[in-house]
Amino acid sequence: MFEKAKEFLFAEDRGVSPVIGVILMVAITVILAAVIATFVMNMGPSEQTQPSVQWEWNNE
């Protein structure tokens, strides 16, 4: 019984490395794009100063 299963599972000698390679390349590209976009978005001037408001009125 196990011999037939081995023959069925390992009958093909073709690998799936091209498919895995394409998936890995796409994943790496997406990750690199996300990292680069994160750095580019954070390169603008930082807004550390808080807005200030002044009120003036006359008591007449």
PDB file of N, CA and C in Angstrom:
ATOM      1  N   MET A   1       0.822  -1.187   0.000  1.00  0.00           N
ATOM      2  CA  MET A   1       0.000   0.000   0.000  1.00  0.00           C
ATOM      3  C   MET A   1       0.873   1.260   0.000  1.00  0.00           C
ATOM      4  N   PHE A   2       1.926   1.269   0.815  1.00  0.00           N
ATOM      5  CA  PHE A   2       2.789   2.434   0.870  1.00  0.00           C
ATOM      6  C   PHE A   2       3.636   2.571  -0.389  1.00  0.00           C
ATOM      7  N   GLU A   3       3.932   1.468  -1.026  1.00  0.00           N
ATOM      8  CA  GLU A   3       4.715   1.525  -2.260  1.00  0.00           C
ATOM      9  C   GLU A   3       3.948   2.246  -3.356  1.00  0.00           C
ATOM     10  N   LYS A   4       2.651   1.997  -3.453  1.00  0.00           N
ATOM     11  CA  LYS A   4       1.842   2.680  -4.463  1.00  0.00           C
ATOM     12  C   LYS A   4       1.739   4.170  -4.158  1.00  0.00           C
ATOM     13  N   ALA A   5       1.642   4.499  -2.882  1.00  0.00           N
ATOM     14  CA  ALA A   5       1.583   5.911  -2.505  1.00  0.00           C
ATOM     15  C   ALA A   5       2.894   6.612  -2.849  1.00  0.00           C
ATOM     16  N   LYS A   6       4.026   5.959  -2.601  1.00  0.00           N
ATOM     17  CA  LYS A   6       5.317   6.547  -2.942  1.00  0.00           C
ATOM     18  C   LYS A   6       5.445   6.733  -4.446  1.00  0.00           C
ATOM     19  N   GLU A   7       5.008   5.739  -5.215  1.00  0.00           N
ATOM     20  CA  GLU A   7       5.069   5.857  -6.670  1.00  0.00           C
ATOM     21  C   GLU A   7       4.192   7.003  -7.158  1.00  0.00           C
ATOM     22  N   PHE A   8       3.037   7.178  -6.552  1.00  0.00           N
ATOM     23  CA  PHE A   8       2.129   8.244  -6.966  1.00  0.00           C
ATOM     24  C   PHE A   8       2.691   9.624  -6.594  1.00  0.00           C
ATOM     25  N   LEU A   9       3.239   9.743  -5.398  1.00  0.00           N
ATOM     26  CA  LEU A   9       3.729  11.031  -4.942  1.00  0.00           C
ATOM     27  C   LEU A   9       5.024  11.446  -5.625  1.00  0.00           C
ATOM     28  N   PHE A  10       5.907  10.509  -5.866  1.00  0.00           N
ATOM     29  CA  PHE A  10       7.221  10.831  -6.403  1.00  0.00           C
ATOM     30  C   PHE A  10       7.379  10.419  -7.857  1.00  0.00           C
ATOM     31  N   ALA A  11       6.288  10.263  -8.589  1.00  0.00           N
ATOM     32  CA  ALA A  11       6.357   9.841  -9.987  1.00  0.00           C
ATOM     33  C   ALA A  11       6.907  10.952 -10.868  1.00  0.00           C
ATOM     34  N   GLU A  12       6.550  12.187 -10.579  1.00  0.00           N
ATOM     35  CA  GLU A  12       7.013  13.291 -11.405  1.00  0.00           C
ATOM     36  C   GLU A  12       8.357  13.787 -10.898  1.00  0.00           C
ATOM     37  N   ASP A  13       9.247  14.051 -11.820  1.00  0.00           N
ATOM     38  CA  ASP A  13      10.557  14.568 -11.453  1.00  0.00           C
ATOM     39  C   ASP A  13      10.619  16.090 -11.562  1.00  0.00           C
ATOM     40  N   ARG A  14       9.543  16.700 -12.051  1.00  0.00           N
ATOM     41  CA  ARG A  14       9.550  18.155 -12.196  1.00  0.00           C
ATOM     42  C   ARG A  14       9.429  18.811 -10.829  1.00  0.00           C
ATOM     43  N   GLY A  15      10.142  19.895 -10.664  1.00  0.00           N
ATOM     44  CA  GLY A  15      10.061  20.625  -9.403  1.00  0.00           C
ATOM     45  C   GLY A  15       9.139  21.823  -9.525  1.00  0.00           C
ATOM     46  N   VAL A  16       8.846  22.406  -8.431  1.00  0.00           N
ATOM     47  CA  VAL A  16       8.005  23.590  -8.428  1.00  0.00           C
ATOM     48  C   VAL A  16       8.842  24.830  -8.118  1.00  0.00           C
ATOM     49  N   SER A  17      10.129  24.741  -8.333  1.00  0.00           N
ATOM     50  CA  SER A  17      11.000  25.855  -7.996  1.00  0.00           C
ATOM     51  C   SER A  17      10.697  27.119  -8.796  1.00  0.00           C
ATOM     52  N   PRO A  18      10.301  27.061 -10.076  1.00  0.00           N
ATOM     53  CA  PRO A  18       9.965  28.320 -10.759  1.00  0.00           C
ATOM     54  C   PRO A  18       8.783  29.038 -10.104  1.00  0.00           C
ATOM     55  N   VAL A  19       7.791  28.299  -9.671  1.00  0.00           N
ATOM     56  CA  VAL A  19       6.634  28.918  -9.033  1.00  0.00           C
ATOM     57  C   VAL A  19       7.042  29.537  -7.703  1.00  0.00           C
ATOM     58  N   ILE A  20       7.809  28.817  -6.922  1.00  0.00           N
ATOM     59  CA  ILE A  20       8.268  29.336  -5.630  1.00  0.00           C
ATOM     60  C   ILE A  20       9.180  30.535  -5.841  1.00  0.00           C
ATOM     61  N   GLY A  21      10.004  30.484  -6.872  1.00  0.00           N
ATOM     62  CA  GLY A  21      10.881  31.611  -7.174  1.00  0.00           C
ATOM     63  C   GLY A  21      10.106  32.874  -7.506  1.00  0.00           C
ATOM     64  N   VAL A  22       9.063  32.732  -8.322  1.00  0.00           N
ATOM     65  CA  VAL A  22       8.248  33.895  -8.683  1.00  0.00           C
ATOM     66  C   VAL A  22       7.536  34.441  -7.454  1.00  0.00           C
ATOM     67  N   ILE A  23       6.997  33.568  -6.633  1.00  0.00           N
ATOM     68  CA  ILE A  23       6.304  34.018  -5.415  1.00  0.00           C
ATOM     69  C   ILE A  23       7.271  34.747  -4.496  1.00  0.00           C
ATOM     70  N   LEU A  24       8.473  34.227  -4.334  1.00  0.00           N
ATOM     71  CA  LEU A  24       9.461  34.889  -3.484  1.00  0.00           C
ATOM     72  C   LEU A  24       9.888  36.240  -4.052  1.00  0.00           C
ATOM     73  N   MET A  25      10.066  36.320  -5.368  1.00  0.00           N
ATOM     74  CA  MET A  25      10.438  37.596  -5.970  1.00  0.00           C
ATOM     75  C   MET A  25       9.349  38.639  -5.787  1.00  0.00           C
ATOM     76  N   VAL A  26       8.098  38.250  -5.956  1.00  0.00           N
ATOM     77  CA  VAL A  26       6.994  39.192  -5.765  1.00  0.00           C
ATOM     78  C   VAL A  26       6.927  39.622  -4.304  1.00  0.00           C
ATOM     79  N   ALA A  27       7.086  38.684  -3.384  1.00  0.00           N
ATOM     80  CA  ALA A  27       7.031  39.019  -1.964  1.00  0.00           C
ATOM     81  C   ALA A  27       8.163  39.971  -1.581  1.00  0.00           C
ATOM     82  N   ILE A  28       9.357  39.716  -2.063  1.00  0.00           N
ATOM     83  CA  ILE A  28      10.493  40.584  -1.755  1.00  0.00           C
ATOM     84  C   ILE A  28      10.276  41.973  -2.339  1.00  0.00           C
ATOM     85  N   THR A  29       9.728  42.044  -3.562  1.00  0.00           N
ATOM     86  CA  THR A  29       9.460  43.335  -4.182  1.00  0.00           C
ATOM     87  C   THR A  29       8.441  44.128  -3.381  1.00  0.00           C
ATOM     88  N   VAL A  30       7.392  43.478  -2.926  1.00  0.00           N
ATOM     89  CA  VAL A  30       6.359  44.166  -2.140  1.00  0.00           C
ATOM     90  C   VAL A  30       6.927  44.653  -0.816  1.00  0.00           C
ATOM     91  N   ILE A  31       7.730  43.833  -0.164  1.00  0.00           N
ATOM     92  CA  ILE A  31       8.327  44.229   1.113  1.00  0.00           C
ATOM     93  C   ILE A  31       9.281  45.400   0.922  1.00  0.00           C
ATOM     94  N   LEU A  32      10.113  45.353  -0.115  1.00  0.00           N
ATOM     95  CA  LEU A  32      11.036  46.456  -0.370  1.00  0.00           C
ATOM     96  C   LEU A  32      10.279  47.740  -0.696  1.00  0.00           C
ATOM     97  N   ALA A  33       9.213  47.640  -1.471  1.00  0.00           N
ATOM     98  CA  ALA A  33       8.421  48.828  -1.795  1.00  0.00           C
ATOM     99  C   ALA A  33       7.804  49.423  -0.531  1.00  0.00           C
ATOM    100  N   ALA A  34       7.336  48.581   0.368  1.00  0.00           N
ATOM    101  CA  ALA A  34       6.746  49.079   1.616  1.00  0.00           C
ATOM    102  C   ALA A  34       7.801  49.761   2.482  1.00  0.00           C
ATOM    103  N   VAL A  35       8.985  49.191   2.568  1.00  0.00           N
ATOM    104  CA  VAL A  35      10.053  49.790   3.381  1.00  0.00           C
ATOM    105  C   VAL A  35      10.488  51.123   2.790  1.00  0.00           C
ATOM    106  N   ILE A  36      10.669  51.175   1.481  1.00  0.00           N
ATOM    107  CA  ILE A  36      11.082  52.421   0.832  1.00  0.00           C
ATOM    108  C   ILE A  36       9.999  53.479   0.980  1.00  0.00           C
ATOM    109  N   ALA A  37       8.748  53.103   0.820  1.00  0.00           N
ATOM    110  CA  ALA A  37       7.646  54.065   0.971  1.00  0.00           C
ATOM    111  C   ALA A  37       7.588  54.603   2.395  1.00  0.00           C
ATOM    112  N   THR A  38       7.861  53.765   3.369  1.00  0.00           N
ATOM    113  CA  THR A  38       7.858  54.209   4.758  1.00  0.00           C
ATOM    114  C   THR A  38       8.945  55.254   4.993  1.00  0.00           C
ATOM    115  N   PHE A  39      10.133  55.024   4.459  1.00  0.00           N
ATOM    116  CA  PHE A  39      11.208  55.991   4.626  1.00  0.00           C
ATOM    117  C   PHE A  39      10.903  57.283   3.887  1.00  0.00           C
ATOM    118  N   VAL A  40      10.343  57.194   2.691  1.00  0.00           N
ATOM    119  CA  VAL A  40      10.051  58.392   1.911  1.00  0.00           C
ATOM    120  C   VAL A  40       8.957  59.215   2.583  1.00  0.00           C
ATOM    121  N   MET A  41       7.948  58.559   3.113  1.00  0.00           N
ATOM    122  CA  MET A  41       6.854  59.290   3.761  1.00  0.00           C
ATOM    123  C   MET A  41       7.328  60.009   5.024  1.00  0.00           C
ATOM    124  N   ASN A  42       8.311  59.470   5.709  1.00  0.00           N
ATOM    125  CA  ASN A  42       8.783  60.068   6.963  1.00  0.00           C
ATOM    126  C   ASN A  42       9.904  61.084   6.757  1.00  0.00           C
ATOM    127  N   MET A  43      10.287  61.369   5.525  1.00  0.00           N
ATOM    128  CA  MET A  43      11.393  62.291   5.291  1.00  0.00           C
ATOM    129  C   MET A  43      10.950  63.740   5.296  1.00  0.00           C
ATOM    130  N   GLY A  44       9.669  64.025   5.354  1.00  0.00           N
ATOM    131  CA  GLY A  44       9.180  65.391   5.367  1.00  0.00           C
ATOM    132  C   GLY A  44       9.528  66.075   6.666  1.00  0.00           C
ATOM    133  N   PRO A  45       9.267  67.373   6.730  1.00  0.00           N
ATOM    134  CA  PRO A  45       9.574  68.090   7.965  1.00  0.00           C
ATOM    135  C   PRO A  45       8.686  67.605   9.105  1.00  0.00           C
ATOM    136  N   SER A  46       9.305  67.364  10.220  1.00  0.00           N
ATOM    137  CA  SER A  46       8.535  66.894  11.361  1.00  0.00           C
ATOM    138  C   SER A  46       7.857  68.081  12.031  1.00  0.00           C
ATOM    139  N   GLU A  47       6.661  67.870  12.456  1.00  0.00           N
ATOM    140  CA  GLU A  47       5.894  68.942  13.085  1.00  0.00           C
ATOM    141  C   GLU A  47       5.909  68.739  14.590  1.00  0.00           C
ATOM    142  N   GLN A  48       7.009  69.156  15.186  1.00  0.00           N
ATOM    143  CA  GLN A  48       7.173  68.985  16.617  1.00  0.00           C
ATOM    144  C   GLN A  48       6.603  70.162  17.395  1.00  0.00           C
ATOM    145  N   THR A  49       6.493  71.322  16.743  1.00  0.00           N
ATOM    146  CA  THR A  49       5.977  72.493  17.448  1.00  0.00           C
ATOM    147  C   THR A  49       4.457  72.465  17.439  1.00  0.00           C
ATOM    148  N   GLN A  50       3.896  72.792  18.559  1.00  0.00           N
ATOM    149  CA  GLN A  50       2.451  72.800  18.670  1.00  0.00           C
ATOM    150  C   GLN A  50       1.927  74.186  18.327  1.00  0.00           C
ATOM    151  N   PRO A  51       0.749  74.250  17.768  1.00  0.00           N
ATOM    152  CA  PRO A  51       0.215  75.564  17.421  1.00  0.00           C
ATOM    153  C   PRO A  51      -0.086  76.386  18.675  1.00  0.00           C
ATOM    154  N   SER A  52       0.116  77.688  18.554  1.00  0.00           N
ATOM    155  CA  SER A  52      -0.163  78.566  19.685  1.00  0.00           C
ATOM    156  C   SER A  52      -1.281  79.536  19.293  1.00  0.00           C
ATOM    157  N   VAL A  53      -2.081  79.920  20.278  1.00  0.00           N
ATOM    158  CA  VAL A  53      -3.209  80.812  20.049  1.00  0.00           C
ATOM    159  C   VAL A  53      -3.128  81.948  21.054  1.00  0.00           C
ATOM    160  N   GLN A  54      -3.399  83.154  20.590  1.00  0.00           N
ATOM    161  CA  GLN A  54      -3.421  84.313  21.469  1.00  0.00           C
ATOM    162  C   GLN A  54      -4.785  84.987  21.339  1.00  0.00           C
ATOM    163  N   TRP A  55      -5.335  85.351  22.488  1.00  0.00           N
ATOM    164  CA  TRP A  55      -6.623  86.031  22.501  1.00  0.00           C
ATOM    165  C   TRP A  55      -6.426  87.451  23.023  1.00  0.00           C
ATOM    166  N   GLU A  56      -7.015  88.382  22.347  1.00  0.00           N
ATOM    167  CA  GLU A  56      -6.989  89.772  22.785  1.00  0.00           C
ATOM    168  C   GLU A  56      -8.399  90.324  22.773  1.00  0.00           C
ATOM    169  N   TRP A  57      -8.736  91.056  23.840  1.00  0.00           N
ATOM    170  CA  TRP A  57     -10.049  91.701  23.873  1.00  0.00           C
ATOM    171  C   TRP A  57      -9.966  92.986  24.697  1.00  0.00           C
ATOM    172  N   ASN A  58     -10.875  93.851  24.413  1.00  0.00           N
ATOM    173  CA  ASN A  58     -10.924  95.136  25.120  1.00  0.00           C
ATOM    174  C   ASN A  58     -12.154  95.141  26.018  1.00  0.00           C
ATOM    175  N   ASN A  59     -11.987  95.575  27.241  1.00  0.00           N
ATOM    176  CA  ASN A  59     -13.105  95.703  28.168  1.00  0.00           C
ATOM    177  C   ASN A  59     -13.575  97.174  28.178  1.00  0.00           C
ATOM    178  N   GLU A  60     -14.437  97.512  27.314  1.00  0.00           N
ATOM    179  CA  GLU A  60     -14.923  98.903  27.268  1.00  0.00           C
ATOM    180  C   GLU A  60     -16.373  98.981  27.588  1.00  0.00           C
TER     181      GLU A  60
END
